[in-house]
Amino acid sequence: MIRKVNEQELSNCVNVIKESFITVANDFGFTIENAPRFTAFATTEDRLKWHFLGEHRPMYAFFDKDTIVGYYSLLLQENNECELNNLCVIPSHRHQKIGAELLKHAFDVAKELGCKTMNIGIVEENQVLRKWYETFGFVHTGTQKFDFFPFTCGYMKKSLV
């Protein structure tokens, strides 16, 4: 079941994000030393509280009984666009279509909020993830290399209209 996250659940969301993104870090050799700003290392309860209370980001979680096993948030942007952030599923629940359910849910929520375009950023070297997003209609729009990441940031977008 997918439902909106409440403030008391943010610490559980942090744990889900970290547990989910650490597998990417391990697969690609990211560490807290070479990529301290990578999601697996940079996500904190204070950061998520700011997203929730300060930026008023819609946040949703997938629950298996009473346990959060998947998560995403949306950052509303200008020009009726939004950015999908931290879509993730913990390793023990992957390959059960939970990620696809969360993504489709994000499309519906974004449309309800008036978004016409959804943007995402990914680790460009993660071609499996890129192909997965492409199956849902995302189009690759470019890359950018930052000194503080040992990887290239890839950008994709999807029209919601």
N, C-alpha and C. Protein backbone atom coordinates (compact mmCIF):
# COMPACT_ATOMS: atom_id res chain seq x y z
N MET A 1 0.83 -1.18 0.00
CA MET A 1 0.00 0.00 0.00
C MET A 1 0.88 1.25 0.00
N ILE A 2 0.51 2.22 -0.79
CA ILE A 2 1.23 3.49 -0.85
C ILE A 2 0.37 4.55 -0.16
N ARG A 3 1.02 5.31 0.71
CA ARG A 3 0.32 6.43 1.32
C ARG A 3 1.31 7.54 1.66
N LYS A 4 0.74 8.71 1.94
CA LYS A 4 1.54 9.88 2.29
C LYS A 4 2.27 9.63 3.60
N VAL A 5 3.49 10.13 3.68
CA VAL A 5 4.31 10.00 4.87
C VAL A 5 3.96 11.11 5.85
N ASN A 6 3.95 10.80 7.15
CA ASN A 6 3.77 11.84 8.16
C ASN A 6 5.11 12.14 8.82
N GLU A 7 5.16 13.22 9.56
CA GLU A 7 6.43 13.68 10.15
C GLU A 7 7.07 12.64 11.06
N GLN A 8 6.26 11.88 11.77
CA GLN A 8 6.80 10.87 12.68
C GLN A 8 7.48 9.72 11.94
N GLU A 9 7.21 9.57 10.67
CA GLU A 9 7.78 8.47 9.88
C GLU A 9 9.07 8.85 9.14
N LEU A 10 9.50 10.10 9.28
CA LEU A 10 10.66 10.55 8.52
C LEU A 10 11.93 9.77 8.85
N SER A 11 12.13 9.42 10.10
CA SER A 11 13.35 8.67 10.44
C SER A 11 13.34 7.30 9.78
N ASN A 12 12.17 6.68 9.67
CA ASN A 12 12.08 5.40 8.95
C ASN A 12 12.37 5.60 7.46
N CYS A 13 11.93 6.71 6.92
CA CYS A 13 12.20 7.01 5.51
C CYS A 13 13.70 7.19 5.28
N VAL A 14 14.37 7.86 6.20
CA VAL A 14 15.83 8.03 6.09
C VAL A 14 16.50 6.67 6.03
N ASN A 15 16.08 5.75 6.90
CA ASN A 15 16.67 4.42 6.91
C ASN A 15 16.44 3.68 5.60
N VAL A 16 15.24 3.80 5.04
CA VAL A 16 14.92 3.15 3.77
C VAL A 16 15.77 3.73 2.65
N ILE A 17 15.91 5.05 2.61
CA ILE A 17 16.72 5.71 1.58
C ILE A 17 18.16 5.24 1.68
N LYS A 18 18.72 5.28 2.88
CA LYS A 18 20.12 4.89 3.06
C LYS A 18 20.34 3.42 2.69
N GLU A 19 19.46 2.55 3.17
CA GLU A 19 19.59 1.12 2.88
C GLU A 19 19.47 0.85 1.38
N SER A 20 18.60 1.58 0.72
CA SER A 20 18.41 1.39 -0.72
C SER A 20 19.58 1.92 -1.53
N PHE A 21 20.05 3.11 -1.20
CA PHE A 21 21.10 3.74 -2.00
C PHE A 21 22.51 3.21 -1.69
N ILE A 22 22.69 2.54 -0.56
CA ILE A 22 24.01 2.00 -0.26
C ILE A 22 24.37 0.89 -1.25
N THR A 23 23.38 0.20 -1.79
CA THR A 23 23.69 -0.84 -2.77
C THR A 23 24.28 -0.24 -4.04
N VAL A 24 23.79 0.93 -4.42
CA VAL A 24 24.35 1.64 -5.58
C VAL A 24 25.77 2.08 -5.26
N ALA A 25 25.95 2.62 -4.06
CA ALA A 25 27.29 3.05 -3.64
C ALA A 25 28.25 1.86 -3.70
N ASN A 26 27.84 0.73 -3.18
CA ASN A 26 28.70 -0.44 -3.18
C ASN A 26 28.99 -0.94 -4.60
N ASP A 27 27.96 -0.94 -5.45
CA ASP A 27 28.13 -1.40 -6.83
C ASP A 27 29.12 -0.54 -7.61
N PHE A 28 29.14 0.76 -7.32
CA PHE A 28 29.96 1.68 -8.11
C PHE A 28 31.17 2.22 -7.35
N GLY A 29 31.40 1.73 -6.15
CA GLY A 29 32.59 2.12 -5.40
C GLY A 29 32.54 3.49 -4.76
N PHE A 30 31.33 3.98 -4.46
CA PHE A 30 31.20 5.27 -3.79
C PHE A 30 31.38 5.05 -2.29
N THR A 31 32.08 5.95 -1.66
CA THR A 31 32.28 5.89 -0.22
C THR A 31 31.97 7.26 0.37
N ILE A 32 31.87 7.31 1.67
CA ILE A 32 31.63 8.60 2.33
C ILE A 32 32.82 9.54 2.09
N GLU A 33 34.01 8.96 1.85
CA GLU A 33 35.19 9.77 1.58
C GLU A 33 35.19 10.35 0.16
N ASN A 34 34.81 9.53 -0.84
CA ASN A 34 34.88 10.03 -2.22
C ASN A 34 33.55 10.60 -2.73
N ALA A 35 32.46 10.40 -1.98
CA ALA A 35 31.16 10.92 -2.40
C ALA A 35 30.29 11.25 -1.19
N PRO A 36 30.75 12.15 -0.31
CA PRO A 36 29.98 12.45 0.91
C PRO A 36 28.59 13.03 0.63
N ARG A 37 28.38 13.60 -0.55
CA ARG A 37 27.07 14.17 -0.88
C ARG A 37 26.14 13.18 -1.56
N PHE A 38 26.61 11.94 -1.78
CA PHE A 38 25.75 10.93 -2.39
C PHE A 38 24.63 10.57 -1.42
N THR A 39 23.47 10.29 -1.96
CA THR A 39 22.24 10.07 -1.19
C THR A 39 22.42 9.10 -0.03
N ALA A 40 23.14 8.02 -0.24
CA ALA A 40 23.32 7.01 0.81
C ALA A 40 24.03 7.58 2.04
N PHE A 41 24.83 8.61 1.82
CA PHE A 41 25.62 9.18 2.92
C PHE A 41 25.09 10.54 3.39
N ALA A 42 24.40 11.26 2.54
CA ALA A 42 24.00 12.64 2.84
C ALA A 42 22.58 12.78 3.38
N THR A 43 21.78 11.74 3.27
CA THR A 43 20.40 11.83 3.75
C THR A 43 20.36 11.73 5.27
N THR A 44 19.74 12.74 5.89
CA THR A 44 19.60 12.76 7.34
C THR A 44 18.15 13.09 7.68
N GLU A 45 17.80 12.87 8.93
CA GLU A 45 16.45 13.22 9.36
C GLU A 45 16.24 14.73 9.28
N ASP A 46 17.25 15.52 9.62
CA ASP A 46 17.12 16.98 9.51
C ASP A 46 16.87 17.40 8.07
N ARG A 47 17.57 16.78 7.14
CA ARG A 47 17.39 17.11 5.72
C ARG A 47 15.98 16.78 5.26
N LEU A 48 15.51 15.58 5.61
CA LEU A 48 14.15 15.19 5.22
C LEU A 48 13.11 16.06 5.91
N LYS A 49 13.36 16.47 7.16
CA LYS A 49 12.43 17.37 7.84
C LYS A 49 12.34 18.71 7.10
N TRP A 50 13.47 19.19 6.60
CA TRP A 50 13.45 20.44 5.83
C TRP A 50 12.63 20.26 4.55
N HIS A 51 12.84 19.14 3.87
CA HIS A 51 12.05 18.86 2.65
C HIS A 51 10.56 18.81 2.98
N PHE A 52 10.24 18.21 4.11
CA PHE A 52 8.84 18.01 4.51
C PHE A 52 8.20 19.30 5.01
N LEU A 53 8.85 19.96 5.97
CA LEU A 53 8.26 21.14 6.61
C LEU A 53 8.62 22.44 5.91
N GLY A 54 9.85 22.55 5.41
CA GLY A 54 10.30 23.79 4.80
C GLY A 54 9.91 23.92 3.34
N GLU A 55 10.10 22.85 2.59
CA GLU A 55 9.79 22.88 1.15
C GLU A 55 8.42 22.29 0.83
N HIS A 56 7.79 21.67 1.81
CA HIS A 56 6.46 21.08 1.66
C HIS A 56 6.41 20.06 0.52
N ARG A 57 7.46 19.26 0.43
CA ARG A 57 7.49 18.24 -0.62
C ARG A 57 6.47 17.14 -0.31
N PRO A 58 5.70 16.75 -1.29
CA PRO A 58 4.88 15.56 -1.11
C PRO A 58 5.81 14.35 -0.98
N MET A 59 5.58 13.55 0.06
CA MET A 59 6.40 12.36 0.31
C MET A 59 5.48 11.17 0.48
N TYR A 60 5.84 10.07 -0.18
CA TYR A 60 5.02 8.87 -0.13
C TYR A 60 5.89 7.65 0.15
N ALA A 61 5.27 6.67 0.80
CA ALA A 61 5.98 5.43 1.10
C ALA A 61 5.12 4.23 0.74
N PHE A 62 5.81 3.16 0.39
CA PHE A 62 5.17 1.88 0.16
C PHE A 62 5.32 1.07 1.44
N PHE A 63 4.20 0.59 1.94
CA PHE A 63 4.19 -0.16 3.19
C PHE A 63 3.93 -1.64 2.93
N ASP A 64 4.74 -2.48 3.55
CA ASP A 64 4.49 -3.91 3.62
C ASP A 64 4.03 -4.15 5.05
N LYS A 65 2.75 -4.35 5.22
CA LYS A 65 2.11 -4.35 6.54
C LYS A 65 2.35 -2.97 7.16
N ASP A 66 3.09 -2.88 8.25
CA ASP A 66 3.34 -1.59 8.89
C ASP A 66 4.75 -1.08 8.65
N THR A 67 5.48 -1.73 7.76
CA THR A 67 6.89 -1.39 7.55
C THR A 67 7.08 -0.66 6.22
N ILE A 68 7.80 0.45 6.25
CA ILE A 68 8.12 1.18 5.02
C ILE A 68 9.22 0.43 4.28
N VAL A 69 8.95 0.07 3.03
CA VAL A 69 9.94 -0.66 2.22
C VAL A 69 10.30 0.09 0.94
N GLY A 70 9.59 1.20 0.66
CA GLY A 70 9.87 2.01 -0.52
C GLY A 70 9.48 3.45 -0.25
N TYR A 71 10.01 4.35 -1.06
CA TYR A 71 9.83 5.78 -0.76
C TYR A 71 10.07 6.60 -2.02
N TYR A 72 9.44 7.79 -2.07
CA TYR A 72 9.79 8.84 -3.03
C TYR A 72 9.26 10.17 -2.53
N SER A 73 9.84 11.25 -3.08
CA SER A 73 9.30 12.59 -2.83
C SER A 73 9.31 13.36 -4.14
N LEU A 74 8.55 14.44 -4.16
CA LEU A 74 8.49 15.32 -5.33
C LEU A 74 8.86 16.73 -4.91
N LEU A 75 9.71 17.35 -5.70
CA LEU A 75 10.04 18.75 -5.51
C LEU A 75 9.32 19.52 -6.60
N LEU A 76 8.40 20.39 -6.21
CA LEU A 76 7.68 21.19 -7.19
C LEU A 76 8.60 22.29 -7.70
N GLN A 77 8.66 22.45 -9.02
CA GLN A 77 9.55 23.41 -9.66
C GLN A 77 8.72 24.42 -10.45
N GLU A 78 9.41 25.32 -11.11
CA GLU A 78 8.73 26.33 -11.93
C GLU A 78 8.23 25.69 -13.23
N ASN A 79 7.40 26.44 -13.95
CA ASN A 79 6.92 26.03 -15.27
C ASN A 79 6.17 24.70 -15.24
N ASN A 80 5.42 24.45 -14.16
CA ASN A 80 4.64 23.21 -14.03
C ASN A 80 5.49 21.96 -14.18
N GLU A 81 6.69 22.02 -13.62
CA GLU A 81 7.57 20.86 -13.61
C GLU A 81 7.78 20.41 -12.17
N CYS A 82 8.18 19.17 -12.02
CA CYS A 82 8.55 18.65 -10.70
C CYS A 82 9.73 17.71 -10.87
N GLU A 83 10.43 17.51 -9.76
CA GLU A 83 11.56 16.59 -9.77
C GLU A 83 11.26 15.43 -8.84
N LEU A 84 11.42 14.23 -9.36
CA LEU A 84 11.26 13.03 -8.55
C LEU A 84 12.56 12.80 -7.80
N ASN A 85 12.45 12.64 -6.48
CA ASN A 85 13.64 12.44 -5.65
C ASN A 85 13.55 11.14 -4.87
N ASN A 86 14.70 10.48 -4.78
CA ASN A 86 14.90 9.35 -3.88
C ASN A 86 13.91 8.21 -4.05
N LEU A 87 13.44 7.97 -5.27
CA LEU A 87 12.61 6.79 -5.49
C LEU A 87 13.48 5.58 -5.16
N CYS A 88 13.01 4.77 -4.21
CA CYS A 88 13.84 3.64 -3.79
C CYS A 88 13.00 2.54 -3.17
N VAL A 89 13.57 1.35 -3.20
CA VAL A 89 12.98 0.16 -2.58
C VAL A 89 14.12 -0.57 -1.88
N ILE A 90 13.89 -1.00 -0.63
CA ILE A 90 14.96 -1.71 0.08
C ILE A 90 15.27 -3.02 -0.64
N PRO A 91 16.52 -3.46 -0.58
CA PRO A 91 16.94 -4.65 -1.34
C PRO A 91 16.07 -5.89 -1.14
N SER A 92 15.59 -6.14 0.07
CA SER A 92 14.80 -7.35 0.34
C SER A 92 13.44 -7.34 -0.37
N HIS A 93 13.01 -6.19 -0.86
CA HIS A 93 11.71 -6.09 -1.52
C HIS A 93 11.80 -5.71 -3.00
N ARG A 94 12.99 -5.75 -3.55
CA ARG A 94 13.15 -5.43 -4.96
C ARG A 94 12.66 -6.58 -5.85
N HIS A 95 12.42 -6.25 -7.11
CA HIS A 95 11.96 -7.21 -8.13
C HIS A 95 10.57 -7.75 -7.81
N GLN A 96 9.77 -6.90 -7.16
CA GLN A 96 8.37 -7.24 -6.87
C GLN A 96 7.44 -6.18 -7.45
N LYS A 97 7.96 -5.34 -8.33
CA LYS A 97 7.19 -4.27 -9.00
C LYS A 97 6.82 -3.12 -8.08
N ILE A 98 7.43 -3.04 -6.90
CA ILE A 98 7.14 -1.95 -5.97
C ILE A 98 7.66 -0.63 -6.53
N GLY A 99 8.84 -0.63 -7.13
CA GLY A 99 9.39 0.58 -7.74
C GLY A 99 8.48 1.10 -8.83
N ALA A 100 7.96 0.20 -9.65
CA ALA A 100 7.04 0.60 -10.73
C ALA A 100 5.75 1.18 -10.14
N GLU A 101 5.24 0.57 -9.07
CA GLU A 101 4.03 1.10 -8.43
C GLU A 101 4.28 2.50 -7.88
N LEU A 102 5.43 2.68 -7.22
CA LEU A 102 5.77 4.00 -6.69
C LEU A 102 5.91 5.02 -7.81
N LEU A 103 6.54 4.64 -8.91
CA LEU A 103 6.74 5.57 -10.02
C LEU A 103 5.40 5.96 -10.63
N LYS A 104 4.53 5.00 -10.86
CA LYS A 104 3.21 5.30 -11.43
C LYS A 104 2.41 6.18 -10.46
N HIS A 105 2.55 5.92 -9.19
CA HIS A 105 1.88 6.75 -8.18
C HIS A 105 2.42 8.18 -8.25
N ALA A 106 3.73 8.32 -8.41
CA ALA A 106 4.34 9.64 -8.52
C ALA A 106 3.81 10.38 -9.75
N PHE A 107 3.62 9.67 -10.86
CA PHE A 107 3.04 10.31 -12.05
C PHE A 107 1.66 10.87 -11.71
N ASP A 108 0.84 10.07 -11.05
CA ASP A 108 -0.52 10.49 -10.72
C ASP A 108 -0.53 11.70 -9.78
N VAL A 109 0.29 11.64 -8.75
CA VAL A 109 0.36 12.76 -7.79
C VAL A 109 0.85 14.02 -8.50
N ALA A 110 1.89 13.89 -9.31
CA ALA A 110 2.44 15.04 -10.03
C ALA A 110 1.38 15.68 -10.93
N LYS A 111 0.63 14.86 -11.63
CA LYS A 111 -0.43 15.39 -12.50
C LYS A 111 -1.49 16.12 -11.67
N GLU A 112 -1.88 15.52 -10.54
CA GLU A 112 -2.87 16.16 -9.65
C GLU A 112 -2.38 17.52 -9.17
N LEU A 113 -1.06 17.66 -9.02
CA LEU A 113 -0.48 18.92 -8.55
C LEU A 113 -0.21 19.90 -9.70
N GLY A 114 -0.60 19.52 -10.91
CA GLY A 114 -0.46 20.41 -12.06
C GLY A 114 0.86 20.32 -12.79
N CYS A 115 1.65 19.31 -12.48
CA CYS A 115 2.94 19.15 -13.17
C CYS A 115 2.73 18.57 -14.56
N LYS A 116 3.42 19.17 -15.51
CA LYS A 116 3.34 18.69 -16.89
C LYS A 116 4.59 17.92 -17.30
N THR A 117 5.66 18.10 -16.53
CA THR A 117 6.93 17.43 -16.81
C THR A 117 7.54 16.95 -15.50
N MET A 118 8.08 15.72 -15.52
CA MET A 118 8.79 15.20 -14.37
C MET A 118 10.26 15.05 -14.74
N ASN A 119 11.14 15.58 -13.88
CA ASN A 119 12.59 15.52 -14.06
C ASN A 119 13.19 14.56 -13.05
N ILE A 120 14.28 13.92 -13.44
CA ILE A 120 15.02 13.08 -12.50
C ILE A 120 16.51 13.23 -12.77
N GLY A 121 17.29 12.95 -11.75
CA GLY A 121 18.73 12.87 -11.87
C GLY A 121 19.16 11.48 -11.43
N ILE A 122 20.08 10.89 -12.17
CA ILE A 122 20.55 9.54 -11.86
C ILE A 122 22.07 9.49 -11.96
N VAL A 123 22.64 8.42 -11.46
CA VAL A 123 24.05 8.14 -11.70
C VAL A 123 24.14 7.68 -13.15
N GLU A 124 24.77 8.48 -13.99
CA GLU A 124 24.80 8.20 -15.43
C GLU A 124 25.39 6.82 -15.73
N GLU A 125 26.35 6.40 -14.95
CA GLU A 125 26.99 5.11 -15.19
C GLU A 125 26.07 3.92 -14.88
N ASN A 126 24.98 4.16 -14.22
CA ASN A 126 24.02 3.10 -13.88
C ASN A 126 23.07 2.89 -15.05
N GLN A 127 23.54 2.18 -16.04
CA GLN A 127 22.77 1.98 -17.27
C GLN A 127 21.53 1.12 -17.05
N VAL A 128 21.55 0.23 -16.07
CA VAL A 128 20.37 -0.57 -15.77
C VAL A 128 19.23 0.34 -15.31
N LEU A 129 19.55 1.28 -14.43
CA LEU A 129 18.53 2.22 -13.94
C LEU A 129 18.04 3.13 -15.07
N ARG A 130 18.97 3.60 -15.88
CA ARG A 130 18.57 4.47 -17.00
C ARG A 130 17.59 3.74 -17.92
N LYS A 131 17.90 2.51 -18.25
CA LYS A 131 17.00 1.74 -19.13
C LYS A 131 15.64 1.51 -18.46
N TRP A 132 15.65 1.28 -17.14
CA TRP A 132 14.40 1.08 -16.43
C TRP A 132 13.52 2.33 -16.55
N TYR A 133 14.09 3.50 -16.32
CA TYR A 133 13.31 4.73 -16.46
C TYR A 133 12.85 4.96 -17.90
N GLU A 134 13.66 4.59 -18.85
CA GLU A 134 13.26 4.74 -20.26
C GLU A 134 12.04 3.89 -20.59
N THR A 135 11.89 2.73 -19.93
CA THR A 135 10.70 1.90 -20.18
C THR A 135 9.42 2.59 -19.72
N PHE A 136 9.55 3.61 -18.87
CA PHE A 136 8.40 4.37 -18.41
C PHE A 136 8.25 5.71 -19.15
N GLY A 137 9.01 5.87 -20.22
CA GLY A 137 8.85 7.06 -21.06
C GLY A 137 9.80 8.21 -20.77
N PHE A 138 10.75 8.03 -19.87
CA PHE A 138 11.73 9.08 -19.61
C PHE A 138 12.71 9.17 -20.77
N VAL A 139 13.13 10.39 -21.07
CA VAL A 139 14.08 10.66 -22.15
C VAL A 139 15.33 11.29 -21.55
N HIS A 140 16.46 10.80 -21.95
CA HIS A 140 17.74 11.34 -21.47
C HIS A 140 17.95 12.72 -22.05
N THR A 141 18.30 13.69 -21.20
CA THR A 141 18.44 15.07 -21.67
C THR A 141 19.85 15.62 -21.54
N GLY A 142 20.73 14.91 -20.84
CA GLY A 142 22.10 15.42 -20.73
C GLY A 142 22.80 14.90 -19.49
N THR A 143 24.04 15.36 -19.35
CA THR A 143 24.87 14.95 -18.22
C THR A 143 25.62 16.16 -17.67
N GLN A 144 26.11 16.00 -16.46
CA GLN A 144 26.96 17.03 -15.87
C GLN A 144 27.91 16.35 -14.89
N LYS A 145 29.15 16.77 -14.92
CA LYS A 145 30.16 16.23 -14.02
C LYS A 145 30.46 17.26 -12.95
N PHE A 146 30.40 16.82 -11.69
CA PHE A 146 30.71 17.69 -10.55
C PHE A 146 31.98 17.18 -9.88
N ASP A 147 32.81 18.11 -9.39
CA ASP A 147 34.05 17.73 -8.71
C ASP A 147 33.80 16.91 -7.46
N PHE A 148 32.65 17.12 -6.81
CA PHE A 148 32.40 16.45 -5.54
C PHE A 148 31.79 15.05 -5.69
N PHE A 149 31.57 14.58 -6.93
CA PHE A 149 31.08 13.23 -7.16
C PHE A 149 32.06 12.46 -8.03
N PRO A 150 32.29 11.18 -7.73
CA PRO A 150 33.15 10.35 -8.58
C PRO A 150 32.39 9.73 -9.75
N PHE A 151 31.23 10.27 -10.04
CA PHE A 151 30.41 9.77 -11.14
C PHE A 151 29.84 10.96 -11.90
N THR A 152 29.22 10.68 -13.02
CA THR A 152 28.57 11.70 -13.83
C THR A 152 27.08 11.70 -13.51
N CYS A 153 26.51 12.87 -13.34
CA CYS A 153 25.07 12.99 -13.11
C CYS A 153 24.36 12.98 -14.47
N GLY A 154 23.40 12.10 -14.59
CA GLY A 154 22.58 12.03 -15.80
C GLY A 154 21.21 12.62 -15.51
N TYR A 155 20.65 13.26 -16.51
CA TYR A 155 19.35 13.91 -16.34
C TYR A 155 18.37 13.36 -17.35
N MET A 156 17.15 13.15 -16.88
CA MET A 156 16.07 12.62 -17.72
C MET A 156 14.79 13.38 -17.42
N LYS A 157 13.86 13.32 -18.36
CA LYS A 157 12.57 13.95 -18.11
C LYS A 157 11.48 13.15 -18.81
N LYS A 158 10.26 13.35 -18.33
CA LYS A 158 9.11 12.69 -18.92
C LYS A 158 7.95 13.68 -18.98
N SER A 159 7.32 13.73 -20.11
CA SER A 159 6.12 14.55 -20.24
C SER A 159 4.96 13.82 -19.56
N LEU A 160 4.18 14.55 -18.79
CA LEU A 160 3.03 13.97 -18.09
C LEU A 160 1.72 14.33 -18.76
N VAL A 161 1.77 15.01 -19.91
CA VAL A 161 0.54 15.40 -20.59
C VAL A 161 0.28 14.54 -21.80
